[in-house]
Amino acid sequence: MNPNTWMLFALAYLLATLTPGPNVLLVVKNGLQHGWRAALVSILGNLGCQAILIGLVAMGVGALLQTLPPLFVALKLAGVATWCIWATRRCARPIPVPKGSLPPPRGDAPEPPSPCCEKTF
């Protein structure tokens, strides 16, 4: 590619990276909750993932997925399955509660709701 095309691509990439979306919200959330170092790690992680995607597109994976729609559907289903397994394991894992933060359980008291219901994904 000629340098003009690369410059247009770099500008489009920069604009896509800076537009508000899930990546920017993740960086802001991590920065507010954990400080600037966590925000920096989030930024570097986002840029690394985007670099991987650019590399895959440059190698022709996008054209391959466009010519083979069943492969694209299989890739999407694998992503959904991976997320479902992750979310299920996260919900099933008990949340550690510091001692003394809850009163001792009574015999006639109902069990508290599952902590999974209180989480947001």
PDB file of N, CA and C in Angstrom:
ATOM      1  N   MET A   1       0.835  -1.181   0.000  1.00  0.00           N
ATOM      2  CA  MET A   1       0.000   0.000   0.000  1.00  0.00           C
ATOM      3  C   MET A   1       0.883   1.247   0.000  1.00  0.00           C
ATOM      4  N   ASN A   2       0.331   2.278  -0.574  1.00  0.00           N
ATOM      5  CA  ASN A   2       1.095   3.525  -0.606  1.00  0.00           C
ATOM      6  C   ASN A   2       0.942   4.272   0.727  1.00  0.00           C
ATOM      7  N   PRO A   3       1.806   5.231   1.008  1.00  0.00           N
ATOM      8  CA  PRO A   3       1.775   5.941   2.304  1.00  0.00           C
ATOM      9  C   PRO A   3       0.473   6.696   2.561  1.00  0.00           C
ATOM     10  N   ASN A   4      -0.173   7.206   1.520  1.00  0.00           N
ATOM     11  CA  ASN A   4      -1.443   7.921   1.720  1.00  0.00           C
ATOM     12  C   ASN A   4      -2.513   6.991   2.277  1.00  0.00           C
ATOM     13  N   THR A   5      -2.566   5.783   1.758  1.00  0.00           N
ATOM     14  CA  THR A   5      -3.551   4.813   2.241  1.00  0.00           C
ATOM     15  C   THR A   5      -3.272   4.459   3.699  1.00  0.00           C
ATOM     16  N   TRP A   6      -1.993   4.283   4.044  1.00  0.00           N
ATOM     17  CA  TRP A   6      -1.632   3.979   5.426  1.00  0.00           C
ATOM     18  C   TRP A   6      -2.012   5.128   6.354  1.00  0.00           C
ATOM     19  N   MET A   7      -1.820   6.353   5.923  1.00  0.00           N
ATOM     20  CA  MET A   7      -2.170   7.502   6.757  1.00  0.00           C
ATOM     21  C   MET A   7      -3.681   7.592   6.968  1.00  0.00           C
ATOM     22  N   LEU A   8      -4.452   7.339   5.912  1.00  0.00           N
ATOM     23  CA  LEU A   8      -5.912   7.323   6.058  1.00  0.00           C
ATOM     24  C   LEU A   8      -6.346   6.210   7.007  1.00  0.00           C
ATOM     25  N   PHE A   9      -5.717   5.054   6.890  1.00  0.00           N
ATOM     26  CA  PHE A   9      -6.038   3.935   7.770  1.00  0.00           C
ATOM     27  C   PHE A   9      -5.697   4.287   9.220  1.00  0.00           C
ATOM     28  N   ALA A  10      -4.525   4.898   9.433  1.00  0.00           N
ATOM     29  CA  ALA A  10      -4.118   5.268  10.795  1.00  0.00           C
ATOM     30  C   ALA A  10      -5.075   6.298  11.390  1.00  0.00           C
ATOM     31  N   LEU A  11      -5.529   7.245  10.593  1.00  0.00           N
ATOM     32  CA  LEU A  11      -6.484   8.243  11.077  1.00  0.00           C
ATOM     33  C   LEU A  11      -7.818   7.587  11.441  1.00  0.00           C
ATOM     34  N   ALA A  12      -8.308   6.708  10.566  1.00  0.00           N
ATOM     35  CA  ALA A  12      -9.563   6.010  10.849  1.00  0.00           C
ATOM     36  C   ALA A  12      -9.432   5.136  12.097  1.00  0.00           C
ATOM     37  N   TYR A  13      -8.291   4.489  12.247  1.00  0.00           N
ATOM     38  CA  TYR A  13      -8.042   3.645  13.411  1.00  0.00           C
ATOM     39  C   TYR A  13      -8.024   4.485  14.682  1.00  0.00           C
ATOM     40  N   LEU A  14      -7.381   5.634  14.643  1.00  0.00           N
ATOM     41  CA  LEU A  14      -7.325   6.518  15.798  1.00  0.00           C
ATOM     42  C   LEU A  14      -8.718   6.996  16.179  1.00  0.00           C
ATOM     43  N   LEU A  15      -9.506   7.398  15.195  1.00  0.00           N
ATOM     44  CA  LEU A  15     -10.866   7.858  15.487  1.00  0.00           C
ATOM     45  C   LEU A  15     -11.729   6.731  16.050  1.00  0.00           C
ATOM     46  N   ALA A  16     -11.582   5.532  15.500  1.00  0.00           N
ATOM     47  CA  ALA A  16     -12.360   4.397  16.009  1.00  0.00           C
ATOM     48  C   ALA A  16     -11.941   4.036  17.428  1.00  0.00           C
ATOM     49  N   THR A  17     -10.673   4.203  17.739  1.00  0.00           N
ATOM     50  CA  THR A  17     -10.183   3.880  19.080  1.00  0.00           C
ATOM     51  C   THR A  17     -10.657   4.899  20.108  1.00  0.00           C
ATOM     52  N   LEU A  18     -10.752   6.150  19.731  1.00  0.00           N
ATOM     53  CA  LEU A  18     -11.105   7.206  20.680  1.00  0.00           C
ATOM     54  C   LEU A  18     -12.603   7.421  20.849  1.00  0.00           C
ATOM     55  N   THR A  19     -13.417   6.863  19.963  1.00  0.00           N
ATOM     56  CA  THR A  19     -14.856   7.073  20.096  1.00  0.00           C
ATOM     57  C   THR A  19     -15.368   6.321  21.315  1.00  0.00           C
ATOM     58  N   PRO A  20     -16.323   6.915  22.037  1.00  0.00           N
ATOM     59  CA  PRO A  20     -16.859   6.240  23.216  1.00  0.00           C
ATOM     60  C   PRO A  20     -17.532   4.916  22.836  1.00  0.00           C
ATOM     61  N   GLY A  21     -17.243   3.944  23.620  1.00  0.00           N
ATOM     62  CA  GLY A  21     -17.799   2.612  23.416  1.00  0.00           C
ATOM     63  C   GLY A  21     -17.391   1.731  24.577  1.00  0.00           C
ATOM     64  N   PRO A  22     -17.536   0.436  24.437  1.00  0.00           N
ATOM     65  CA  PRO A  22     -17.229  -0.465  25.553  1.00  0.00           C
ATOM     66  C   PRO A  22     -15.775  -0.381  26.012  1.00  0.00           C
ATOM     67  N   ASN A  23     -14.850  -0.215  25.082  1.00  0.00           N
ATOM     68  CA  ASN A  23     -13.437  -0.144  25.473  1.00  0.00           C
ATOM     69  C   ASN A  23     -13.154   1.091  26.304  1.00  0.00           C
ATOM     70  N   VAL A  24     -13.688   2.221  25.884  1.00  0.00           N
ATOM     71  CA  VAL A  24     -13.462   3.462  26.624  1.00  0.00           C
ATOM     72  C   VAL A  24     -14.144   3.396  27.991  1.00  0.00           C
ATOM     73  N   LEU A  25     -15.338   2.820  28.036  1.00  0.00           N
ATOM     74  CA  LEU A  25     -16.028   2.688  29.319  1.00  0.00           C
ATOM     75  C   LEU A  25     -15.256   1.775  30.273  1.00  0.00           C
ATOM     76  N   LEU A  26     -14.652   0.716  29.757  1.00  0.00           N
ATOM     77  CA  LEU A  26     -13.838  -0.165  30.587  1.00  0.00           C
ATOM     78  C   LEU A  26     -12.638   0.584  31.160  1.00  0.00           C
ATOM     79  N   VAL A  27     -11.982   1.377  30.337  1.00  0.00           N
ATOM     80  CA  VAL A  27     -10.826   2.154  30.798  1.00  0.00           C
ATOM     81  C   VAL A  27     -11.260   3.145  31.880  1.00  0.00           C
ATOM     82  N   VAL A  28     -12.365   3.831  31.666  1.00  0.00           N
ATOM     83  CA  VAL A  28     -12.845   4.808  32.651  1.00  0.00           C
ATOM     84  C   VAL A  28     -13.219   4.107  33.954  1.00  0.00           C
ATOM     85  N   LYS A  29     -13.921   2.991  33.859  1.00  0.00           N
ATOM     86  CA  LYS A  29     -14.319   2.245  35.060  1.00  0.00           C
ATOM     87  C   LYS A  29     -13.103   1.776  35.847  1.00  0.00           C
ATOM     88  N   ASN A  30     -12.142   1.187  35.157  1.00  0.00           N
ATOM     89  CA  ASN A  30     -10.943   0.711  35.844  1.00  0.00           C
ATOM     90  C   ASN A  30     -10.146   1.865  36.435  1.00  0.00           C
ATOM     91  N   GLY A  31     -10.101   2.973  35.736  1.00  0.00           N
ATOM     92  CA  GLY A  31      -9.400   4.134  36.260  1.00  0.00           C
ATOM     93  C   GLY A  31     -10.050   4.692  37.509  1.00  0.00           C
ATOM     94  N   LEU A  32     -11.379   4.763  37.514  1.00  0.00           N
ATOM     95  CA  LEU A  32     -12.073   5.289  38.685  1.00  0.00           C
ATOM     96  C   LEU A  32     -12.008   4.334  39.870  1.00  0.00           C
ATOM     97  N   GLN A  33     -12.112   3.034  39.606  1.00  0.00           N
ATOM     98  CA  GLN A  33     -12.119   2.069  40.698  1.00  0.00           C
ATOM     99  C   GLN A  33     -10.727   1.755  41.231  1.00  0.00           C
ATOM    100  N   HIS A  34      -9.744   1.667  40.343  1.00  0.00           N
ATOM    101  CA  HIS A  34      -8.442   1.145  40.750  1.00  0.00           C
ATOM    102  C   HIS A  34      -7.272   2.097  40.504  1.00  0.00           C
ATOM    103  N   GLY A  35      -7.511   3.251  39.924  1.00  0.00           N
ATOM    104  CA  GLY A  35      -6.430   4.211  39.728  1.00  0.00           C
ATOM    105  C   GLY A  35      -5.891   4.221  38.309  1.00  0.00           C
ATOM    106  N   TRP A  36      -4.915   5.094  38.113  1.00  0.00           N
ATOM    107  CA  TRP A  36      -4.403   5.327  36.760  1.00  0.00           C
ATOM    108  C   TRP A  36      -3.620   4.146  36.223  1.00  0.00           C
ATOM    109  N   ARG A  37      -2.987   3.360  37.087  1.00  0.00           N
ATOM    110  CA  ARG A  37      -2.222   2.212  36.594  1.00  0.00           C
ATOM    111  C   ARG A  37      -3.157   1.172  35.954  1.00  0.00           C
ATOM    112  N   ALA A  38      -4.293   0.929  36.594  1.00  0.00           N
ATOM    113  CA  ALA A  38      -5.261  -0.014  36.028  1.00  0.00           C
ATOM    114  C   ALA A  38      -5.818   0.518  34.707  1.00  0.00           C
ATOM    115  N   ALA A  39      -6.031   1.825  34.635  1.00  0.00           N
ATOM    116  CA  ALA A  39      -6.503   2.410  33.377  1.00  0.00           C
ATOM    117  C   ALA A  39      -5.451   2.233  32.283  1.00  0.00           C
ATOM    118  N   LEU A  40      -4.187   2.419  32.629  1.00  0.00           N
ATOM    119  CA  LEU A  40      -3.113   2.243  31.655  1.00  0.00           C
ATOM    120  C   LEU A  40      -3.029   0.798  31.171  1.00  0.00           C
ATOM    121  N   VAL A  41      -3.188  -0.153  32.089  1.00  0.00           N
ATOM    122  CA  VAL A  41      -3.187  -1.569  31.700  1.00  0.00           C
ATOM    123  C   VAL A  41      -4.360  -1.858  30.761  1.00  0.00           C
ATOM    124  N   SER A  42      -5.517  -1.273  31.059  1.00  0.00           N
ATOM    125  CA  SER A  42      -6.684  -1.467  30.186  1.00  0.00           C
ATOM    126  C   SER A  42      -6.440  -0.887  28.797  1.00  0.00           C
ATOM    127  N   ILE A  43      -5.839   0.280  28.741  1.00  0.00           N
ATOM    128  CA  ILE A  43      -5.540   0.906  27.443  1.00  0.00           C
ATOM    129  C   ILE A  43      -4.582   0.029  26.644  1.00  0.00           C
ATOM    130  N   LEU A  44      -3.512  -0.444  27.308  1.00  0.00           N
ATOM    131  CA  LEU A  44      -2.545  -1.291  26.604  1.00  0.00           C
ATOM    132  C   LEU A  44      -3.175  -2.605  26.152  1.00  0.00           C
ATOM    133  N   GLY A  45      -4.057  -3.171  26.966  1.00  0.00           N
ATOM    134  CA  GLY A  45      -4.759  -4.392  26.569  1.00  0.00           C
ATOM    135  C   GLY A  45      -5.654  -4.162  25.364  1.00  0.00           C
ATOM    136  N   ASN A  46      -6.382  -3.046  25.374  1.00  0.00           N
ATOM    137  CA  ASN A  46      -7.244  -2.724  24.229  1.00  0.00           C
ATOM    138  C   ASN A  46      -6.426  -2.521  22.960  1.00  0.00           C
ATOM    139  N   LEU A  47      -5.332  -1.782  23.060  1.00  0.00           N
ATOM    140  CA  LEU A  47      -4.505  -1.543  21.879  1.00  0.00           C
ATOM    141  C   LEU A  47      -3.863  -2.835  21.383  1.00  0.00           C
ATOM    142  N   GLY A  48      -3.467  -3.704  22.297  1.00  0.00           N
ATOM    143  CA  GLY A  48      -2.900  -4.993  21.892  1.00  0.00           C
ATOM    144  C   GLY A  48      -3.904  -5.856  21.144  1.00  0.00           C
ATOM    145  N   CYS A  49      -5.130  -5.902  21.654  1.00  0.00           N
ATOM    146  CA  CYS A  49      -6.175  -6.675  20.965  1.00  0.00           C
ATOM    147  C   CYS A  49      -6.493  -6.089  19.596  1.00  0.00           C
ATOM    148  N   GLN A  50      -6.519  -4.777  19.506  1.00  0.00           N
ATOM    149  CA  GLN A  50      -6.782  -4.153  18.215  1.00  0.00           C
ATOM    150  C   GLN A  50      -5.640  -4.406  17.242  1.00  0.00           C
ATOM    151  N   ALA A  51      -4.413  -4.454  17.748  1.00  0.00           N
ATOM    152  CA  ALA A  51      -3.278  -4.766  16.874  1.00  0.00           C
ATOM    153  C   ALA A  51      -3.383  -6.199  16.343  1.00  0.00           C
ATOM    154  N   ILE A  52      -3.852  -7.113  17.189  1.00  0.00           N
ATOM    155  CA  ILE A  52      -4.056  -8.498  16.741  1.00  0.00           C
ATOM    156  C   ILE A  52      -5.110  -8.533  15.639  1.00  0.00           C
ATOM    157  N   LEU A  53      -6.205  -7.797  15.829  1.00  0.00           N
ATOM    158  CA  LEU A  53      -7.253  -7.770  14.802  1.00  0.00           C
ATOM    159  C   LEU A  53      -6.735  -7.180  13.493  1.00  0.00           C
ATOM    160  N   ILE A  54      -5.941  -6.130  13.574  1.00  0.00           N
ATOM    161  CA  ILE A  54      -5.368  -5.536  12.355  1.00  0.00           C
ATOM    162  C   ILE A  54      -4.479  -6.555  11.655  1.00  0.00           C
ATOM    163  N   GLY A  55      -3.678  -7.269  12.436  1.00  0.00           N
ATOM    164  CA  GLY A  55      -2.815  -8.298  11.852  1.00  0.00           C
ATOM    165  C   GLY A  55      -3.601  -9.401  11.171  1.00  0.00           C
ATOM    166  N   LEU A  56      -4.699  -9.832  11.802  1.00  0.00           N
ATOM    167  CA  LEU A  56      -5.531 -10.873  11.195  1.00  0.00           C
ATOM    168  C   LEU A  56      -6.168 -10.389   9.886  1.00  0.00           C
ATOM    169  N   VAL A  57      -6.619  -9.151   9.889  1.00  0.00           N
ATOM    170  CA  VAL A  57      -7.203  -8.595   8.664  1.00  0.00           C
ATOM    171  C   VAL A  57      -6.139  -8.489   7.579  1.00  0.00           C
ATOM    172  N   ALA A  58      -4.949  -8.061   7.963  1.00  0.00           N
ATOM    173  CA  ALA A  58      -3.861  -7.934   6.983  1.00  0.00           C
ATOM    174  C   ALA A  58      -3.476  -9.285   6.398  1.00  0.00           C
ATOM    175  N   MET A  59      -3.616 -10.355   7.183  1.00  0.00           N
ATOM    176  CA  MET A  59      -3.296 -11.697   6.680  1.00  0.00           C
ATOM    177  C   MET A  59      -4.416 -12.285   5.829  1.00  0.00           C
ATOM    178  N   GLY A  60      -5.563 -11.629   5.794  1.00  0.00           N
ATOM    179  CA  GLY A  60      -6.636 -12.094   4.928  1.00  0.00           C
ATOM    180  C   GLY A  60      -7.716 -12.898   5.615  1.00  0.00           C
ATOM    181  N   VAL A  61      -7.737 -12.895   6.943  1.00  0.00           N
ATOM    182  CA  VAL A  61      -8.762 -13.663   7.653  1.00  0.00           C
ATOM    183  C   VAL A  61     -10.152 -13.075   7.389  1.00  0.00           C
ATOM    184  N   GLY A  62     -10.236 -11.751   7.259  1.00  0.00           N
ATOM    185  CA  GLY A  62     -11.528 -11.128   6.965  1.00  0.00           C
ATOM    186  C   GLY A  62     -12.086 -11.583   5.632  1.00  0.00           C
ATOM    187  N   ALA A  63     -11.234 -11.657   4.614  1.00  0.00           N
ATOM    188  CA  ALA A  63     -11.679 -12.124   3.303  1.00  0.00           C
ATOM    189  C   ALA A  63     -12.063 -13.602   3.358  1.00  0.00           C
ATOM    190  N   LEU A  64     -11.329 -14.377   4.149  1.00  0.00           N
ATOM    191  CA  LEU A  64     -11.646 -15.797   4.289  1.00  0.00           C
ATOM    192  C   LEU A  64     -13.017 -15.988   4.944  1.00  0.00           C
ATOM    193  N   LEU A  65     -13.280 -15.228   6.002  1.00  0.00           N
ATOM    194  CA  LEU A  65     -14.578 -15.333   6.672  1.00  0.00           C
ATOM    195  C   LEU A  65     -15.706 -14.832   5.784  1.00  0.00           C
ATOM    196  N   GLN A  66     -15.405 -13.872   4.909  1.00  0.00           N
ATOM    197  CA  GLN A  66     -16.430 -13.359   4.006  1.00  0.00           C
ATOM    198  C   GLN A  66     -16.786 -14.395   2.937  1.00  0.00           C
ATOM    199  N   THR A  67     -15.822 -15.176   2.511  1.00  0.00           N
ATOM    200  CA  THR A  67     -16.096 -16.170   1.469  1.00  0.00           C
ATOM    201  C   THR A  67     -16.648 -17.466   2.046  1.00  0.00           C
ATOM    202  N   LEU A  68     -16.440 -17.700   3.350  1.00  0.00           N
ATOM    203  CA  LEU A  68     -16.946 -18.919   3.990  1.00  0.00           C
ATOM    204  C   LEU A  68     -17.875 -18.552   5.148  1.00  0.00           C
ATOM    205  N   PRO A  69     -19.139 -18.222   4.853  1.00  0.00           N
ATOM    206  CA  PRO A  69     -20.066 -17.821   5.917  1.00  0.00           C
ATOM    207  C   PRO A  69     -20.239 -18.864   7.027  1.00  0.00           C
ATOM    208  N   PRO A  70     -20.241 -20.181   6.724  1.00  0.00           N
ATOM    209  CA  PRO A  70     -20.384 -21.137   7.837  1.00  0.00           C
ATOM    210  C   PRO A  70     -19.230 -21.048   8.845  1.00  0.00           C
ATOM    211  N   LEU A  71     -18.035 -20.739   8.376  1.00  0.00           N
ATOM    212  CA  LEU A  71     -16.906 -20.575   9.281  1.00  0.00           C
ATOM    213  C   LEU A  71     -17.115 -19.352  10.169  1.00  0.00           C
ATOM    214  N   PHE A  72     -17.674 -18.301   9.612  1.00  0.00           N
ATOM    215  CA  PHE A  72     -17.957 -17.092  10.391  1.00  0.00           C
ATOM    216  C   PHE A  72     -19.009 -17.384  11.460  1.00  0.00           C
ATOM    217  N   VAL A  73     -20.051 -18.132  11.102  1.00  0.00           N
ATOM    218  CA  VAL A  73     -21.085 -18.504  12.076  1.00  0.00           C
ATOM    219  C   VAL A  73     -20.477 -19.377  13.175  1.00  0.00           C
ATOM    220  N   ALA A  74     -19.624 -20.323  12.806  1.00  0.00           N
ATOM    221  CA  ALA A  74     -18.976 -21.187  13.802  1.00  0.00           C
ATOM    222  C   ALA A  74     -18.105 -20.366  14.749  1.00  0.00           C
ATOM    223  N   LEU A  75     -17.412 -19.372  14.233  1.00  0.00           N
ATOM    224  CA  LEU A  75     -16.583 -18.513  15.070  1.00  0.00           C
ATOM    225  C   LEU A  75     -17.439 -17.715  16.051  1.00  0.00           C
ATOM    226  N   LYS A  76     -18.576 -17.199  15.582  1.00  0.00           N
ATOM    227  CA  LYS A  76     -19.472 -16.459  16.459  1.00  0.00           C
ATOM    228  C   LYS A  76     -20.054 -17.369  17.536  1.00  0.00           C
ATOM    229  N   LEU A  77     -20.456 -18.586  17.162  1.00  0.00           N
ATOM    230  CA  LEU A  77     -21.004 -19.524  18.143  1.00  0.00           C
ATOM    231  C   LEU A  77     -19.962 -19.926  19.182  1.00  0.00           C
ATOM    232  N   ALA A  78     -18.727 -20.083  18.758  1.00  0.00           N
ATOM    233  CA  ALA A  78     -17.661 -20.404  19.704  1.00  0.00           C
ATOM    234  C   ALA A  78     -17.470 -19.261  20.699  1.00  0.00           C
ATOM    235  N   GLY A  79     -17.572 -18.035  20.226  1.00  0.00           N
ATOM    236  CA  GLY A  79     -17.464 -16.887  21.123  1.00  0.00           C
ATOM    237  C   GLY A  79     -18.604 -16.831  22.125  1.00  0.00           C
ATOM    238  N   VAL A  80     -19.812 -17.097  21.666  1.00  0.00           N
ATOM    239  CA  VAL A  80     -20.979 -17.100  22.563  1.00  0.00           C
ATOM    240  C   VAL A  80     -20.841 -18.215  23.588  1.00  0.00           C
ATOM    241  N   ALA A  81     -20.422 -19.393  23.152  1.00  0.00           N
ATOM    242  CA  ALA A  81     -20.262 -20.517  24.073  1.00  0.00           C
ATOM    243  C   ALA A  81     -19.198 -20.213  25.127  1.00  0.00           C
ATOM    244  N   THR A  82     -18.104 -19.603  24.705  1.00  0.00           N
ATOM    245  CA  THR A  82     -17.045 -19.250  25.651  1.00  0.00           C
ATOM    246  C   THR A  82     -17.558 -18.265  26.682  1.00  0.00           C
ATOM    247  N   TRP A  83     -18.308 -17.259  26.245  1.00  0.00           N
ATOM    248  CA  TRP A  83     -18.852 -16.285  27.181  1.00  0.00           C
ATOM    249  C   TRP A  83     -19.837 -16.946  28.131  1.00  0.00           C
ATOM    250  N   CYS A  84     -20.693 -17.830  27.642  1.00  0.00           N
ATOM    251  CA  CYS A  84     -21.674 -18.502  28.509  1.00  0.00           C
ATOM    252  C   CYS A  84     -20.976 -19.335  29.579  1.00  0.00           C
ATOM    253  N   ILE A  85     -19.922 -20.043  29.204  1.00  0.00           N
ATOM    254  CA  ILE A  85     -19.182 -20.838  30.186  1.00  0.00           C
ATOM    255  C   ILE A  85     -18.536 -19.923  31.215  1.00  0.00           C
ATOM    256  N   TRP A  86     -17.939 -18.832  30.783  1.00  0.00           N
ATOM    257  CA  TRP A  86     -17.309 -17.888  31.702  1.00  0.00           C
ATOM    258  C   TRP A  86     -18.335 -17.300  32.665  1.00  0.00           C
ATOM    259  N   ALA A  87     -19.490 -16.864  32.144  1.00  0.00           N
ATOM    260  CA  ALA A  87     -20.513 -16.246  32.987  1.00  0.00           C
ATOM    261  C   ALA A  87     -21.074 -17.254  33.990  1.00  0.00           C
ATOM    262  N   THR A  88     -21.262 -18.489  33.565  1.00  0.00           N
ATOM    263  CA  THR A  88     -21.776 -19.522  34.462  1.00  0.00           C
ATOM    264  C   THR A  88     -20.791 -19.808  35.582  1.00  0.00           C
ATOM    265  N   ARG A  89     -19.528 -19.928  35.256  1.00  0.00           N
ATOM    266  CA  ARG A  89     -18.515 -20.187  36.280  1.00  0.00           C
ATOM    267  C   ARG A  89     -18.411 -19.007  37.241  1.00  0.00           C
ATOM    268  N   ARG A  90     -18.556 -17.812  36.722  1.00  0.00           N
ATOM    269  CA  ARG A  90     -18.475 -16.633  37.587  1.00  0.00           C
ATOM    270  C   ARG A  90     -19.666 -16.585  38.541  1.00  0.00           C
ATOM    271  N   CYS A  91     -20.847 -16.939  38.074  1.00  0.00           N
ATOM    272  CA  CYS A  91     -22.037 -16.939  38.932  1.00  0.00           C
ATOM    273  C   CYS A  91     -21.983 -18.063  39.963  1.00  0.00           C
ATOM    274  N   ALA A  92     -21.443 -19.201  39.589  1.00  0.00           N
ATOM    275  CA  ALA A  92     -21.422 -20.352  40.481  1.00  0.00           C
ATOM    276  C   ALA A  92     -20.366 -20.211  41.571  1.00  0.00           C
ATOM    277  N   ARG A  93     -19.381 -19.373  41.371  1.00  0.00           N
ATOM    278  CA  ARG A  93     -18.307 -19.206  42.345  1.00  0.00           C
ATOM    279  C   ARG A  93     -18.821 -18.395  43.531  1.00  0.00           C
ATOM    280  N   PRO A  94     -18.624 -18.899  44.752  1.00  0.00           N
ATOM    281  CA  PRO A  94     -19.101 -18.134  45.915  1.00  0.00           C
ATOM    282  C   PRO A  94     -18.256 -16.886  46.131  1.00  0.00           C
ATOM    283  N   ILE A  95     -18.909 -15.858  46.600  1.00  0.00           N
ATOM    284  CA  ILE A  95     -18.227 -14.602  46.884  1.00  0.00           C
ATOM    285  C   ILE A  95     -17.750 -14.654  48.329  1.00  0.00           C
ATOM    286  N   PRO A  96     -16.455 -14.433  48.571  1.00  0.00           N
ATOM    287  CA  PRO A  96     -15.983 -14.451  49.957  1.00  0.00           C
ATOM    288  C   PRO A  96     -16.561 -13.272  50.735  1.00  0.00           C
ATOM    289  N   VAL A  97     -17.085 -13.563  51.917  1.00  0.00           N
ATOM    290  CA  VAL A  97     -17.667 -12.533  52.776  1.00  0.00           C
ATOM    291  C   VAL A  97     -16.765 -12.394  53.990  1.00  0.00           C
ATOM    292  N   PRO A  98     -16.305 -11.180  54.294  1.00  0.00           N
ATOM    293  CA  PRO A  98     -15.457 -11.003  55.473  1.00  0.00           C
ATOM    294  C   PRO A  98     -16.209 -11.388  56.745  1.00  0.00           C
ATOM    295  N   LYS A  99     -15.484 -12.000  57.680  1.00  0.00           N
ATOM    296  CA  LYS A  99     -16.120 -12.396  58.941  1.00  0.00           C
ATOM    297  C   LYS A  99     -16.570 -11.162  59.705  1.00  0.00           C
ATOM    298  N   GLY A 100     -17.738 -11.278  60.307  1.00  0.00           N
ATOM    299  CA  GLY A 100     -18.270 -10.177  61.092  1.00  0.00           C
ATOM    300  C   GLY A 100     -19.104  -9.207  60.290  1.00  0.00           C
ATOM    301  N   SER A 101     -19.169  -9.361  58.965  1.00  0.00           N
ATOM    302  CA  SER A 101     -19.958  -8.421  58.175  1.00  0.00           C
ATOM    303  C   SER A 101     -21.431  -8.811  58.118  1.00  0.00           C
ATOM    304  N   LEU A 102     -21.734 -10.086  58.413  1.00  0.00           N
ATOM    305  CA  LEU A 102     -23.115 -10.559  58.428  1.00  0.00           C
ATOM    306  C   LEU A 102     -23.429 -11.117  59.810  1.00  0.00           C
ATOM    307  N   PRO A 103     -24.662 -10.955  60.275  1.00  0.00           N
ATOM    308  CA  PRO A 103     -25.018 -11.572  61.554  1.00  0.00           C
ATOM    309  C   PRO A 103     -25.031 -13.096  61.407  1.00  0.00           C
ATOM    310  N   PRO A 104     -24.869 -13.822  62.513  1.00  0.00           N
ATOM    311  CA  PRO A 104     -24.906 -15.280  62.403  1.00  0.00           C
ATOM    312  C   PRO A 104     -26.276 -15.744  61.939  1.00  0.00           C
ATOM    313  N   PRO A 105     -26.333 -16.791  61.108  1.00  0.00           N
ATOM    314  CA  PRO A 105     -27.629 -17.240  60.579  1.00  0.00           C
ATOM    315  C   PRO A 105     -28.496 -17.837  61.676  1.00  0.00           C
ATOM    316  N   ARG A 106     -29.790 -17.549  61.591  1.00  0.00           N
ATOM    317  CA  ARG A 106     -30.768 -18.148  62.496  1.00  0.00           C
ATOM    318  C   ARG A 106     -31.327 -19.388  61.836  1.00  0.00           C
ATOM    319  N   GLY A 107     -31.837 -20.272  62.622  1.00  0.00           N
ATOM    320  CA  GLY A 107     -32.374 -21.520  62.087  1.00  0.00           C
ATOM    321  C   GLY A 107     -33.627 -21.322  61.257  1.00  0.00           C
ATOM    322  N   ASP A 108     -34.452 -20.317  61.572  1.00  0.00           N
ATOM    323  CA  ASP A 108     -35.706 -20.125  60.847  1.00  0.00           C
ATOM    324  C   ASP A 108     -35.613 -19.075  59.751  1.00  0.00           C
ATOM    325  N   ALA A 109     -34.467 -18.455  59.607  1.00  0.00           N
ATOM    326  CA  ALA A 109     -34.314 -17.403  58.599  1.00  0.00           C
ATOM    327  C   ALA A 109     -34.111 -18.019  57.217  1.00  0.00           C
ATOM    328  N   PRO A 110     -34.730 -17.430  56.191  1.00  0.00           N
ATOM    329  CA  PRO A 110     -34.510 -17.946  54.833  1.00  0.00           C
ATOM    330  C   PRO A 110     -33.087 -17.623  54.383  1.00  0.00           C
ATOM    331  N   GLU A 111     -32.604 -18.401  53.450  1.00  0.00           N
ATOM    332  CA  GLU A 111     -31.266 -18.157  52.928  1.00  0.00           C
ATOM    333  C   GLU A 111     -31.264 -16.874  52.103  1.00  0.00           C
ATOM    334  N   PRO A 112     -30.159 -16.130  52.144  1.00  0.00           N
ATOM    335  CA  PRO A 112     -30.100 -14.912  51.316  1.00  0.00           C
ATOM    336  C   PRO A 112     -30.079 -15.280  49.845  1.00  0.00           C
ATOM    337  N   PRO A 113     -30.476 -14.345  48.979  1.00  0.00           N
ATOM    338  CA  PRO A 113     -30.464 -14.650  47.545  1.00  0.00           C
ATOM    339  C   PRO A 113     -29.049 -14.913  47.053  1.00  0.00           C
ATOM    340  N   SER A 114     -28.966 -15.602  45.952  1.00  0.00           N
ATOM    341  CA  SER A 114     -27.671 -15.928  45.369  1.00  0.00           C
ATOM    342  C   SER A 114     -26.945 -14.649  44.981  1.00  0.00           C
ATOM    343  N   PRO A 115     -25.633 -14.583  45.252  1.00  0.00           N
ATOM    344  CA  PRO A 115     -24.894 -13.380  44.847  1.00  0.00           C
ATOM    345  C   PRO A 115     -24.849 -13.200  43.342  1.00  0.00           C
ATOM    346  N   CYS A 116     -25.149 -14.261  42.599  1.00  0.00           N
ATOM    347  CA  CYS A 116     -25.153 -14.170  41.134  1.00  0.00           C
ATOM    348  C   CYS A 116     -26.213 -13.183  40.657  1.00  0.00           C
ATOM    349  N   CYS A 117     -27.310 -13.111  41.405  1.00  0.00           N
ATOM    350  CA  CYS A 117     -28.414 -12.217  40.999  1.00  0.00           C
ATOM    351  C   CYS A 117     -28.039 -10.752  41.170  1.00  0.00           C
ATOM    352  N   GLU A 118     -27.059 -10.470  42.019  1.00  0.00           N
ATOM    353  CA  GLU A 118     -26.690  -9.092  42.271  1.00  0.00           C
ATOM    354  C   GLU A 118     -25.629  -8.583  41.319  1.00  0.00           C
ATOM    355  N   LYS A 119     -24.968  -9.474  40.603  1.00  0.00           N
ATOM    356  CA  LYS A 119     -23.893  -9.073  39.691  1.00  0.00           C
ATOM    357  C   LYS A 119     -24.471  -8.559  38.394  1.00  0.00           C
ATOM    358  N   THR A 120     -23.743  -7.664  37.782  1.00  0.00           N
ATOM    359  CA  THR A 120     -24.084  -7.240  36.432  1.00  0.00           C
ATOM    360  C   THR A 120     -22.967  -7.674  35.507  1.00  0.00           C
ATOM    361  N   PHE A 121     -23.306  -7.989  34.304  1.00  0.00           N
ATOM    362  CA  PHE A 121     -22.298  -8.491  33.362  1.00  0.00           C
ATOM    363  C   PHE A 121     -21.955  -7.425  32.390  1.00  0.00           C
TER     364      PHE A 121
END
